[in-house]
Each structure stands twice: as C-alpha cells, then as structure tokens.
Amino acid sequence: MGDVVAFKRPKASEKHKGKTLCRSGFHRWKIVTERKFDVKQGRLVTVSRCERCGIEKVERL
C-alpha cells in the first residue's frame, strides 16, 4: 500500500516565512541622539536607525 498524504492548507506564517517587514520596506525607525551635527558639511542632521535590522538613514536639515 502507499503512504497517506495529508492535504491541508499551509498557515499564513508558513506561507510568508522568510519575508520580513524590513525587506518589504517597513522599517521601525528610532532616532539616534548620539550624533546631531555633521562636521564635514557643517549641518545639523537627524540620524535614524531601524530597531530590527540596524540600517541607518540620515536626514539633513
């Protein structure tokens, strides 16, 4: 006799496994207060770091 194969739908968590929010562009930005001034350009800057993946974004004022 053959093996019994279970036919069930995959859960949403199994279906989307490996697709994180950061890869889709939904970062969780947190403002870093360590650096507020860019010495090279002589401007105030706002540095934001993603809490999940650690990527940084710099916004010059």
PDB file of N, CA and C in Angstrom:
ATOM      1  N   MET A   1       0.830  -1.183   0.000  1.00  0.00           N
ATOM      2  CA  MET A   1       0.000   0.000   0.000  1.00  0.00           C
ATOM      3  C   MET A   1       0.873   1.245   0.000  1.00  0.00           C
ATOM      4  N   GLY A   2       0.294   2.335  -0.436  1.00  0.00           N
ATOM      5  CA  GLY A   2       1.017   3.605  -0.494  1.00  0.00           C
ATOM      6  C   GLY A   2       0.942   4.375   0.814  1.00  0.00           C
ATOM      7  N   ASP A   3       1.719   5.424   0.875  1.00  0.00           N
ATOM      8  CA  ASP A   3       1.722   6.276   2.055  1.00  0.00           C
ATOM      9  C   ASP A   3       0.531   7.227   2.010  1.00  0.00           C
ATOM     10  N   VAL A   4       0.048   7.582   3.190  1.00  0.00           N
ATOM     11  CA  VAL A   4      -1.057   8.518   3.308  1.00  0.00           C
ATOM     12  C   VAL A   4      -0.478   9.933   3.303  1.00  0.00           C
ATOM     13  N   VAL A   5      -0.975  10.766   2.391  1.00  0.00           N
ATOM     14  CA  VAL A   5      -0.511  12.136   2.272  1.00  0.00           C
ATOM     15  C   VAL A   5      -1.586  13.064   2.824  1.00  0.00           C
ATOM     16  N   ALA A   6      -1.189  13.909   3.744  1.00  0.00           N
ATOM     17  CA  ALA A   6      -2.138  14.845   4.342  1.00  0.00           C
ATOM     18  C   ALA A   6      -2.263  16.068   3.437  1.00  0.00           C
ATOM     19  N   PHE A   7      -3.488  16.396   3.060  1.00  0.00           N
ATOM     20  CA  PHE A   7      -3.758  17.572   2.246  1.00  0.00           C
ATOM     21  C   PHE A   7      -4.342  18.648   3.148  1.00  0.00           C
ATOM     22  N   LYS A   8      -3.530  19.631   3.490  1.00  0.00           N
ATOM     23  CA  LYS A   8      -4.014  20.746   4.293  1.00  0.00           C
ATOM     24  C   LYS A   8      -3.375  22.019   3.770  1.00  0.00           C
ATOM     25  N   ARG A   9      -4.068  23.113   3.964  1.00  0.00           N
ATOM     26  CA  ARG A   9      -3.550  24.401   3.522  1.00  0.00           C
ATOM     27  C   ARG A   9      -2.433  24.851   4.454  1.00  0.00           C
ATOM     28  N   PRO A  10      -1.404  25.474   3.893  1.00  0.00           N
ATOM     29  CA  PRO A  10      -0.344  25.989   4.776  1.00  0.00           C
ATOM     30  C   PRO A  10      -0.836  27.216   5.539  1.00  0.00           C
ATOM     31  N   LYS A  11      -0.341  27.357   6.753  1.00  0.00           N
ATOM     32  CA  LYS A  11      -0.690  28.524   7.559  1.00  0.00           C
ATOM     33  C   LYS A  11      -0.074  29.764   6.935  1.00  0.00           C
ATOM     34  N   ALA A  12      -0.579  30.912   7.291  1.00  0.00           N
ATOM     35  CA  ALA A  12      -0.051  32.166   6.766  1.00  0.00           C
ATOM     36  C   ALA A  12       1.397  32.372   7.201  1.00  0.00           C
ATOM     37  N   SER A  13       1.733  31.947   8.414  1.00  0.00           N
ATOM     38  CA  SER A  13       3.108  32.098   8.890  1.00  0.00           C
ATOM     39  C   SER A  13       4.064  31.207   8.113  1.00  0.00           C
ATOM     40  N   GLU A  14       3.614  30.038   7.704  1.00  0.00           N
ATOM     41  CA  GLU A  14       4.459  29.149   6.908  1.00  0.00           C
ATOM     42  C   GLU A  14       4.579  29.645   5.468  1.00  0.00           C
ATOM     43  N   LYS A  15       3.512  30.224   4.970  1.00  0.00           N
ATOM     44  CA  LYS A  15       3.493  30.695   3.593  1.00  0.00           C
ATOM     45  C   LYS A  15       4.425  31.885   3.396  1.00  0.00           C
ATOM     46  N   HIS A  16       4.470  32.792   4.374  1.00  0.00           N
ATOM     47  CA  HIS A  16       5.262  34.010   4.257  1.00  0.00           C
ATOM     48  C   HIS A  16       6.560  33.943   5.054  1.00  0.00           C
ATOM     49  N   LYS A  17       7.016  32.760   5.365  1.00  0.00           N
ATOM     50  CA  LYS A  17       8.225  32.606   6.163  1.00  0.00           C
ATOM     51  C   LYS A  17       9.435  33.110   5.388  1.00  0.00           C
ATOM     52  N   GLY A  18      10.269  33.916   6.040  1.00  0.00           N
ATOM     53  CA  GLY A  18      11.462  34.448   5.402  1.00  0.00           C
ATOM     54  C   GLY A  18      11.269  35.819   4.778  1.00  0.00           C
ATOM     55  N   LYS A  19      10.046  36.299   4.701  1.00  0.00           N
ATOM     56  CA  LYS A  19       9.774  37.626   4.153  1.00  0.00           C
ATOM     57  C   LYS A  19       9.555  38.572   5.326  1.00  0.00           C
ATOM     58  N   THR A  20      10.608  39.238   5.746  1.00  0.00           N
ATOM     59  CA  THR A  20      10.495  40.099   6.912  1.00  0.00           C
ATOM     60  C   THR A  20       9.924  41.451   6.526  1.00  0.00           C
ATOM     61  N   LEU A  21       9.537  42.192   7.524  1.00  0.00           N
ATOM     62  CA  LEU A  21       8.972  43.512   7.279  1.00  0.00           C
ATOM     63  C   LEU A  21      10.009  44.458   6.702  1.00  0.00           C
ATOM     64  N   CYS A  22      11.249  44.360   7.175  1.00  0.00           N
ATOM     65  CA  CYS A  22      12.293  45.270   6.699  1.00  0.00           C
ATOM     66  C   CYS A  22      12.606  45.035   5.220  1.00  0.00           C
ATOM     67  N   ARG A  23      12.562  43.821   4.776  1.00  0.00           N
ATOM     68  CA  ARG A  23      12.814  43.545   3.364  1.00  0.00           C
ATOM     69  C   ARG A  23      11.721  44.131   2.477  1.00  0.00           C
ATOM     70  N   SER A  24      10.550  44.285   3.030  1.00  0.00           N
ATOM     71  CA  SER A  24       9.442  44.860   2.281  1.00  0.00           C
ATOM     72  C   SER A  24       9.392  46.379   2.401  1.00  0.00           C
ATOM     73  N   GLY A  25      10.313  46.966   3.154  1.00  0.00           N
ATOM     74  CA  GLY A  25      10.377  48.414   3.275  1.00  0.00           C
ATOM     75  C   GLY A  25       9.666  48.988   4.485  1.00  0.00           C
ATOM     76  N   PHE A  26       9.225  48.131   5.404  1.00  0.00           N
ATOM     77  CA  PHE A  26       8.526  48.597   6.597  1.00  0.00           C
ATOM     78  C   PHE A  26       9.472  48.531   7.786  1.00  0.00           C
ATOM     79  N   HIS A  27      10.354  49.525   7.882  1.00  0.00           N
ATOM     80  CA  HIS A  27      11.318  49.575   8.965  1.00  0.00           C
ATOM     81  C   HIS A  27      10.692  50.201  10.196  1.00  0.00           C
ATOM     82  N   ARG A  28      11.300  49.948  11.344  1.00  0.00           N
ATOM     83  CA  ARG A  28      10.880  50.572  12.601  1.00  0.00           C
ATOM     84  C   ARG A  28      11.981  51.560  12.978  1.00  0.00           C
ATOM     85  N   TRP A  29      11.804  52.822  12.575  1.00  0.00           N
ATOM     86  CA  TRP A  29      12.838  53.833  12.746  1.00  0.00           C
ATOM     87  C   TRP A  29      12.850  54.367  14.166  1.00  0.00           C
ATOM     88  N   LYS A  30      14.058  54.501  14.715  1.00  0.00           N
ATOM     89  CA  LYS A  30      14.281  55.079  16.040  1.00  0.00           C
ATOM     90  C   LYS A  30      15.372  56.132  15.874  1.00  0.00           C
ATOM     91  N   ILE A  31      15.161  57.330  16.416  1.00  0.00           N
ATOM     92  CA  ILE A  31      16.113  58.426  16.257  1.00  0.00           C
ATOM     93  C   ILE A  31      17.304  58.203  17.187  1.00  0.00           C
ATOM     94  N   VAL A  32      18.501  58.314  16.618  1.00  0.00           N
ATOM     95  CA  VAL A  32      19.740  58.167  17.379  1.00  0.00           C
ATOM     96  C   VAL A  32      20.160  59.557  17.844  1.00  0.00           C
ATOM     97  N   THR A  33      20.365  59.721  19.139  1.00  0.00           N
ATOM     98  CA  THR A  33      20.682  61.037  19.679  1.00  0.00           C
ATOM     99  C   THR A  33      22.177  61.243  19.896  1.00  0.00           C
ATOM    100  N   GLU A  34      23.008  60.282  19.476  1.00  0.00           N
ATOM    101  CA  GLU A  34      24.451  60.403  19.677  1.00  0.00           C
ATOM    102  C   GLU A  34      25.068  61.476  18.789  1.00  0.00           C
ATOM    103  N   ARG A  35      24.684  61.492  17.527  1.00  0.00           N
ATOM    104  CA  ARG A  35      25.256  62.441  16.572  1.00  0.00           C
ATOM    105  C   ARG A  35      24.166  63.396  16.100  1.00  0.00           C
ATOM    106  N   LYS A  36      24.387  64.696  16.304  1.00  0.00           N
ATOM    107  CA  LYS A  36      23.401  65.682  15.864  1.00  0.00           C
ATOM    108  C   LYS A  36      23.988  66.667  14.872  1.00  0.00           C
ATOM    109  N   PHE A  37      25.320  66.644  14.711  1.00  0.00           N
ATOM    110  CA  PHE A  37      25.962  67.632  13.870  1.00  0.00           C
ATOM    111  C   PHE A  37      26.938  66.933  12.934  1.00  0.00           C
ATOM    112  N   ASP A  38      26.841  67.213  11.618  1.00  0.00           N
ATOM    113  CA  ASP A  38      27.757  66.666  10.631  1.00  0.00           C
ATOM    114  C   ASP A  38      28.923  67.634  10.482  1.00  0.00           C
ATOM    115  N   VAL A  39      30.112  67.198  10.898  1.00  0.00           N
ATOM    116  CA  VAL A  39      31.276  68.070  10.913  1.00  0.00           C
ATOM    117  C   VAL A  39      31.750  68.390   9.493  1.00  0.00           C
ATOM    118  N   LYS A  40      31.678  67.412   8.598  1.00  0.00           N
ATOM    119  CA  LYS A  40      32.184  67.612   7.234  1.00  0.00           C
ATOM    120  C   LYS A  40      31.372  68.656   6.477  1.00  0.00           C
ATOM    121  N   GLN A  41      30.056  68.615   6.601  1.00  0.00           N
ATOM    122  CA  GLN A  41      29.209  69.549   5.868  1.00  0.00           C
ATOM    123  C   GLN A  41      28.788  70.744   6.710  1.00  0.00           C
ATOM    124  N   GLY A  42      28.992  70.692   8.015  1.00  0.00           N
ATOM    125  CA  GLY A  42      28.625  71.798   8.880  1.00  0.00           C
ATOM    126  C   GLY A  42      27.139  72.001   9.019  1.00  0.00           C
ATOM    127  N   ARG A  43      26.388  70.914   9.056  1.00  0.00           N
ATOM    128  CA  ARG A  43      24.929  70.998   9.143  1.00  0.00           C
ATOM    129  C   ARG A  43      24.411  70.137  10.284  1.00  0.00           C
ATOM    130  N   LEU A  44      23.217  70.473  10.722  1.00  0.00           N
ATOM    131  CA  LEU A  44      22.519  69.607  11.661  1.00  0.00           C
ATOM    132  C   LEU A  44      21.938  68.423  10.907  1.00  0.00           C
ATOM    133  N   VAL A  45      22.005  67.244  11.514  1.00  0.00           N
ATOM    134  CA  VAL A  45      21.471  66.044  10.880  1.00  0.00           C
ATOM    135  C   VAL A  45      20.611  65.280  11.882  1.00  0.00           C
ATOM    136  N   THR A  46      19.695  64.499  11.360  1.00  0.00           N
ATOM    137  CA  THR A  46      18.904  63.579  12.155  1.00  0.00           C
ATOM    138  C   THR A  46      19.230  62.181  11.667  1.00  0.00           C
ATOM    139  N   VAL A  47      19.800  61.367  12.552  1.00  0.00           N
ATOM    140  CA  VAL A  47      20.175  60.004  12.208  1.00  0.00           C
ATOM    141  C   VAL A  47      19.114  59.076  12.782  1.00  0.00           C
ATOM    142  N   SER A  48      18.543  58.241  11.923  1.00  0.00           N
ATOM    143  CA  SER A  48      17.553  57.257  12.345  1.00  0.00           C
ATOM    144  C   SER A  48      18.111  55.866  12.094  1.00  0.00           C
ATOM    145  N   ARG A  49      17.861  54.954  13.033  1.00  0.00           N
ATOM    146  CA  ARG A  49      18.330  53.573  12.905  1.00  0.00           C
ATOM    147  C   ARG A  49      17.139  52.636  13.071  1.00  0.00           C
ATOM    148  N   CYS A  50      17.070  51.626  12.213  1.00  0.00           N
ATOM    149  CA  CYS A  50      15.992  50.640  12.307  1.00  0.00           C
ATOM    150  C   CYS A  50      16.263  49.727  13.501  1.00  0.00           C
ATOM    151  N   GLU A  51      15.249  49.520  14.331  1.00  0.00           N
ATOM    152  CA  GLU A  51      15.407  48.676  15.512  1.00  0.00           C
ATOM    153  C   GLU A  51      15.548  47.203  15.150  1.00  0.00           C
ATOM    154  N   ARG A  52      14.982  46.786  14.038  1.00  0.00           N
ATOM    155  CA  ARG A  52      15.015  45.375  13.669  1.00  0.00           C
ATOM    156  C   ARG A  52      16.310  44.968  12.973  1.00  0.00           C
ATOM    157  N   CYS A  53      16.693  45.728  11.924  1.00  0.00           N
ATOM    158  CA  CYS A  53      17.816  45.291  11.093  1.00  0.00           C
ATOM    159  C   CYS A  53      19.074  46.126  11.268  1.00  0.00           C
ATOM    160  N   GLY A  54      18.982  47.317  11.875  1.00  0.00           N
ATOM    161  CA  GLY A  54      20.154  48.117  12.171  1.00  0.00           C
ATOM    162  C   GLY A  54      20.614  49.045  11.061  1.00  0.00           C
ATOM    163  N   ILE A  55      19.870  49.159   9.971  1.00  0.00           N
ATOM    164  CA  ILE A  55      20.246  50.057   8.876  1.00  0.00           C
ATOM    165  C   ILE A  55      20.026  51.502   9.327  1.00  0.00           C
ATOM    166  N   GLU A  56      20.886  52.406   8.836  1.00  0.00           N
ATOM    167  CA  GLU A  56      20.790  53.807   9.246  1.00  0.00           C
ATOM    168  C   GLU A  56      20.336  54.690   8.099  1.00  0.00           C
ATOM    169  N   LYS A  57      19.592  55.756   8.457  1.00  0.00           N
ATOM    170  CA  LYS A  57      19.097  56.731   7.500  1.00  0.00           C
ATOM    171  C   LYS A  57      19.464  58.112   8.037  1.00  0.00           C
ATOM    172  N   VAL A  58      20.064  58.944   7.188  1.00  0.00           N
ATOM    173  CA  VAL A  58      20.485  60.284   7.596  1.00  0.00           C
ATOM    174  C   VAL A  58      19.638  61.324   6.877  1.00  0.00           C
ATOM    175  N   GLU A  59      19.055  62.238   7.650  1.00  0.00           N
ATOM    176  CA  GLU A  59      18.250  63.318   7.109  1.00  0.00           C
ATOM    177  C   GLU A  59      18.919  64.634   7.467  1.00  0.00           C
ATOM    178  N   ARG A  60      19.315  65.377   6.452  1.00  0.00           N
ATOM    179  CA  ARG A  60      19.996  66.650   6.688  1.00  0.00           C
ATOM    180  C   ARG A  60      18.977  67.787   6.721  1.00  0.00           C
ATOM    181  N   LEU A  61      19.106  68.633   7.706  1.00  0.00           N
ATOM    182  CA  LEU A  61      18.181  69.753   7.862  1.00  0.00           C
ATOM    183  C   LEU A  61      18.699  71.000   7.216  1.00  0.00           C
TER     184      LEU A  61
END
